Amino acid sequence: MAGGLGCVARDKYGWFHVAGGEGGFQCASALAAEAEPLRAGAAAGVLHGWHKLVIESDSKILIEALRTGTIPEAINFIIRSLP
C-alpha cells in the first residue's frame, strides 16, 4: 500500500509555524499509514527543538494505542522509533 503524509506545526496559540509533506512511501496496513505521519511530525518537532508536542489524528486506534501503551503489532516499529 502506497501512502502520503502531511503535518502542520502550530504553537500554543494556534499560530502556524511550519508544514511538511511526503509522498510515495510504502505501508503494510492502513494503520501504518496513519502512524507514519505521527513519526514524521515528531521527528520534525525534535529537529526544531520543540520539547512538547500535541498529537492529533482521526485514527481512534492510533490515539488509544498511544494513550494506553498497547501498541498493535502493525505499528509497533513505527511507534517505537519515535524520537
N, C-alpha and C. Protein backbone atom coordinates (compact mmCIF):
# COMPACT_ATOMS: atom_id res chain seq x y z
N MET A 1 0.84 -1.16 0.00
CA MET A 1 0.00 0.00 0.00
C MET A 1 0.90 1.23 0.00
N ALA A 2 0.69 2.14 -0.94
CA ALA A 2 1.45 3.39 -1.00
C ALA A 2 0.68 4.48 -0.27
N GLY A 3 1.41 5.38 0.34
CA GLY A 3 0.75 6.45 1.10
C GLY A 3 1.47 7.76 0.95
N GLY A 4 0.88 8.76 1.53
CA GLY A 4 1.46 10.10 1.60
C GLY A 4 1.12 10.68 2.95
N LEU A 5 1.85 11.68 3.36
CA LEU A 5 1.59 12.27 4.66
C LEU A 5 1.75 13.77 4.62
N GLY A 6 1.15 14.40 5.59
CA GLY A 6 1.31 15.83 5.77
C GLY A 6 1.25 16.13 7.25
N CYS A 7 1.99 17.14 7.67
CA CYS A 7 1.93 17.55 9.06
C CYS A 7 2.03 19.07 9.14
N VAL A 8 1.41 19.61 10.16
CA VAL A 8 1.38 21.04 10.40
C VAL A 8 1.79 21.29 11.83
N ALA A 9 2.62 22.30 12.06
CA ALA A 9 3.03 22.65 13.42
C ALA A 9 2.51 24.04 13.76
N ARG A 10 1.83 24.10 14.91
CA ARG A 10 1.31 25.36 15.43
C ARG A 10 1.81 25.54 16.86
N ASP A 11 1.88 26.77 17.30
CA ASP A 11 2.27 26.99 18.69
C ASP A 11 1.04 26.91 19.59
N LYS A 12 1.24 27.16 20.88
CA LYS A 12 0.15 27.01 21.84
C LYS A 12 -0.99 27.99 21.61
N TYR A 13 -0.77 29.00 20.79
CA TYR A 13 -1.81 29.96 20.46
C TYR A 13 -2.51 29.63 19.15
N GLY A 14 -2.05 28.58 18.49
CA GLY A 14 -2.64 28.18 17.22
C GLY A 14 -1.99 28.82 16.01
N TRP A 15 -0.92 29.57 16.22
CA TRP A 15 -0.24 30.22 15.10
C TRP A 15 0.58 29.19 14.32
N PHE A 16 0.47 29.26 13.02
CA PHE A 16 1.19 28.36 12.12
C PHE A 16 2.69 28.63 12.18
N HIS A 17 3.50 27.55 12.19
CA HIS A 17 4.95 27.70 12.16
C HIS A 17 5.59 26.99 10.98
N VAL A 18 5.17 25.77 10.71
CA VAL A 18 5.80 25.02 9.62
C VAL A 18 4.84 23.92 9.17
N ALA A 19 4.97 23.53 7.92
CA ALA A 19 4.20 22.40 7.38
C ALA A 19 5.14 21.58 6.51
N GLY A 20 4.81 20.33 6.35
CA GLY A 20 5.62 19.46 5.51
C GLY A 20 4.80 18.31 4.97
N GLY A 21 5.35 17.66 4.01
CA GLY A 21 4.67 16.52 3.43
C GLY A 21 5.64 15.63 2.68
N GLU A 22 5.18 14.44 2.40
CA GLU A 22 5.99 13.44 1.73
C GLU A 22 5.04 12.47 1.04
N GLY A 23 5.42 11.98 -0.08
CA GLY A 23 4.56 11.03 -0.78
C GLY A 23 5.33 9.81 -1.22
N GLY A 24 4.59 8.78 -1.57
CA GLY A 24 5.19 7.60 -2.17
C GLY A 24 5.82 6.61 -1.23
N PHE A 25 5.55 6.69 0.07
CA PHE A 25 6.11 5.68 0.95
C PHE A 25 5.21 4.46 0.98
N GLN A 26 5.79 3.33 1.30
CA GLN A 26 5.06 2.06 1.33
C GLN A 26 4.65 1.71 2.76
N CYS A 27 3.43 1.27 2.92
CA CYS A 27 2.90 0.87 4.23
C CYS A 27 2.32 -0.53 4.13
N ALA A 28 2.45 -1.25 5.23
CA ALA A 28 1.92 -2.60 5.28
C ALA A 28 0.43 -2.63 5.58
N SER A 29 -0.10 -1.53 6.13
CA SER A 29 -1.51 -1.52 6.51
C SER A 29 -2.02 -0.08 6.56
N ALA A 30 -3.33 0.07 6.62
CA ALA A 30 -3.93 1.40 6.77
C ALA A 30 -3.52 2.03 8.09
N LEU A 31 -3.41 1.22 9.14
CA LEU A 31 -2.99 1.74 10.44
C LEU A 31 -1.55 2.26 10.37
N ALA A 32 -0.69 1.58 9.66
CA ALA A 32 0.68 2.06 9.48
C ALA A 32 0.69 3.38 8.72
N ALA A 33 -0.21 3.52 7.75
CA ALA A 33 -0.31 4.78 7.01
C ALA A 33 -0.78 5.92 7.91
N GLU A 34 -1.54 5.62 8.95
CA GLU A 34 -1.95 6.63 9.93
C GLU A 34 -0.80 6.96 10.89
N ALA A 35 0.03 5.98 11.23
CA ALA A 35 1.10 6.17 12.19
C ALA A 35 2.32 6.87 11.59
N GLU A 36 2.56 6.71 10.32
CA GLU A 36 3.75 7.29 9.69
C GLU A 36 3.79 8.83 9.80
N PRO A 37 2.68 9.55 9.59
CA PRO A 37 2.74 11.00 9.78
C PRO A 37 3.06 11.39 11.23
N LEU A 38 2.63 10.58 12.18
CA LEU A 38 2.97 10.82 13.58
C LEU A 38 4.48 10.79 13.77
N ARG A 39 5.11 9.77 13.20
CA ARG A 39 6.57 9.67 13.28
C ARG A 39 7.25 10.86 12.62
N ALA A 40 6.79 11.22 11.44
CA ALA A 40 7.40 12.34 10.70
C ALA A 40 7.21 13.66 11.45
N GLY A 41 6.03 13.88 11.99
CA GLY A 41 5.77 15.11 12.74
C GLY A 41 6.60 15.20 14.00
N ALA A 42 6.73 14.09 14.72
CA ALA A 42 7.55 14.08 15.93
C ALA A 42 9.02 14.33 15.59
N ALA A 43 9.49 13.73 14.52
CA ALA A 43 10.88 13.94 14.10
C ALA A 43 11.11 15.40 13.72
N ALA A 44 10.15 16.01 13.03
CA ALA A 44 10.27 17.43 12.67
C ALA A 44 10.29 18.30 13.93
N GLY A 45 9.47 17.95 14.90
CA GLY A 45 9.46 18.70 16.16
C GLY A 45 10.80 18.65 16.87
N VAL A 46 11.41 17.48 16.90
CA VAL A 46 12.72 17.33 17.53
C VAL A 46 13.76 18.17 16.78
N LEU A 47 13.72 18.14 15.45
CA LEU A 47 14.66 18.94 14.65
C LEU A 47 14.51 20.43 14.92
N HIS A 48 13.30 20.88 15.22
CA HIS A 48 13.06 22.30 15.50
C HIS A 48 13.32 22.64 16.97
N GLY A 49 13.65 21.64 17.78
CA GLY A 49 13.96 21.89 19.17
C GLY A 49 12.75 22.03 20.08
N TRP A 50 11.61 21.54 19.63
CA TRP A 50 10.40 21.63 20.45
C TRP A 50 10.39 20.50 21.46
N HIS A 51 9.99 20.82 22.68
CA HIS A 51 10.03 19.83 23.76
C HIS A 51 8.66 19.26 24.11
N LYS A 52 7.60 19.92 23.71
CA LYS A 52 6.25 19.43 23.97
C LYS A 52 5.50 19.37 22.65
N LEU A 53 4.87 18.25 22.39
CA LEU A 53 4.10 18.07 21.17
C LEU A 53 2.69 17.63 21.52
N VAL A 54 1.73 18.11 20.76
CA VAL A 54 0.35 17.64 20.87
C VAL A 54 0.07 16.89 19.58
N ILE A 55 -0.36 15.66 19.72
CA ILE A 55 -0.63 14.81 18.57
C ILE A 55 -2.12 14.83 18.27
N GLU A 56 -2.46 15.07 17.02
CA GLU A 56 -3.85 15.00 16.58
C GLU A 56 -3.95 13.99 15.45
N SER A 57 -4.97 13.17 15.50
CA SER A 57 -5.19 12.18 14.45
C SER A 57 -6.67 11.83 14.43
N ASP A 58 -7.15 11.45 13.27
CA ASP A 58 -8.53 10.97 13.18
C ASP A 58 -8.61 9.46 13.36
N SER A 59 -7.47 8.83 13.70
CA SER A 59 -7.44 7.39 13.92
C SER A 59 -7.62 7.09 15.41
N LYS A 60 -8.80 6.63 15.78
CA LYS A 60 -9.07 6.30 17.17
C LYS A 60 -8.14 5.19 17.66
N ILE A 61 -7.86 4.22 16.81
CA ILE A 61 -6.98 3.11 17.19
C ILE A 61 -5.58 3.63 17.52
N LEU A 62 -5.07 4.53 16.70
CA LEU A 62 -3.74 5.08 16.92
C LEU A 62 -3.68 5.89 18.22
N ILE A 63 -4.64 6.75 18.44
CA ILE A 63 -4.65 7.57 19.65
C ILE A 63 -4.79 6.71 20.90
N GLU A 64 -5.67 5.71 20.85
CA GLU A 64 -5.83 4.81 22.01
C GLU A 64 -4.55 4.02 22.27
N ALA A 65 -3.86 3.62 21.22
CA ALA A 65 -2.60 2.90 21.38
C ALA A 65 -1.57 3.78 22.10
N LEU A 66 -1.52 5.05 21.73
CA LEU A 66 -0.58 5.97 22.38
C LEU A 66 -0.98 6.24 23.83
N ARG A 67 -2.26 6.38 24.07
CA ARG A 67 -2.74 6.64 25.44
C ARG A 67 -2.49 5.47 26.38
N THR A 68 -2.73 4.27 25.90
CA THR A 68 -2.66 3.10 26.77
C THR A 68 -1.30 2.41 26.75
N GLY A 69 -0.51 2.65 25.71
CA GLY A 69 0.76 1.96 25.56
C GLY A 69 0.63 0.57 25.00
N THR A 70 -0.59 0.19 24.62
CA THR A 70 -0.84 -1.11 24.00
C THR A 70 -0.76 -0.90 22.49
N ILE A 71 0.41 -1.17 21.94
CA ILE A 71 0.70 -0.86 20.54
C ILE A 71 0.44 -2.08 19.67
N PRO A 72 -0.46 -1.96 18.69
CA PRO A 72 -0.69 -3.08 17.76
C PRO A 72 0.58 -3.43 16.99
N GLU A 73 0.77 -4.70 16.73
CA GLU A 73 1.97 -5.17 16.02
C GLU A 73 2.17 -4.44 14.69
N ALA A 74 1.08 -4.08 14.02
CA ALA A 74 1.17 -3.44 12.70
C ALA A 74 1.90 -2.10 12.75
N ILE A 75 1.94 -1.45 13.92
CA ILE A 75 2.61 -0.15 14.01
C ILE A 75 3.68 -0.11 15.10
N ASN A 76 4.00 -1.25 15.67
CA ASN A 76 4.97 -1.30 16.76
C ASN A 76 6.30 -0.66 16.37
N PHE A 77 6.84 -1.01 15.21
CA PHE A 77 8.14 -0.46 14.80
C PHE A 77 8.06 1.05 14.63
N ILE A 78 6.99 1.55 14.03
CA ILE A 78 6.86 2.99 13.79
C ILE A 78 6.79 3.74 15.12
N ILE A 79 5.96 3.28 16.03
CA ILE A 79 5.80 3.95 17.32
C ILE A 79 7.07 3.86 18.16
N ARG A 80 7.69 2.70 18.17
CA ARG A 80 8.93 2.52 18.96
C ARG A 80 10.09 3.33 18.40
N SER A 81 10.01 3.79 17.15
CA SER A 81 11.08 4.58 16.56
C SER A 81 10.86 6.08 16.73
N LEU A 82 9.82 6.46 17.47
CA LEU A 82 9.59 7.89 17.72
C LEU A 82 10.76 8.48 18.48
N PRO A 83 11.14 9.71 18.13
CA PRO A 83 12.27 10.34 18.84
C PRO A 83 11.92 10.65 20.29
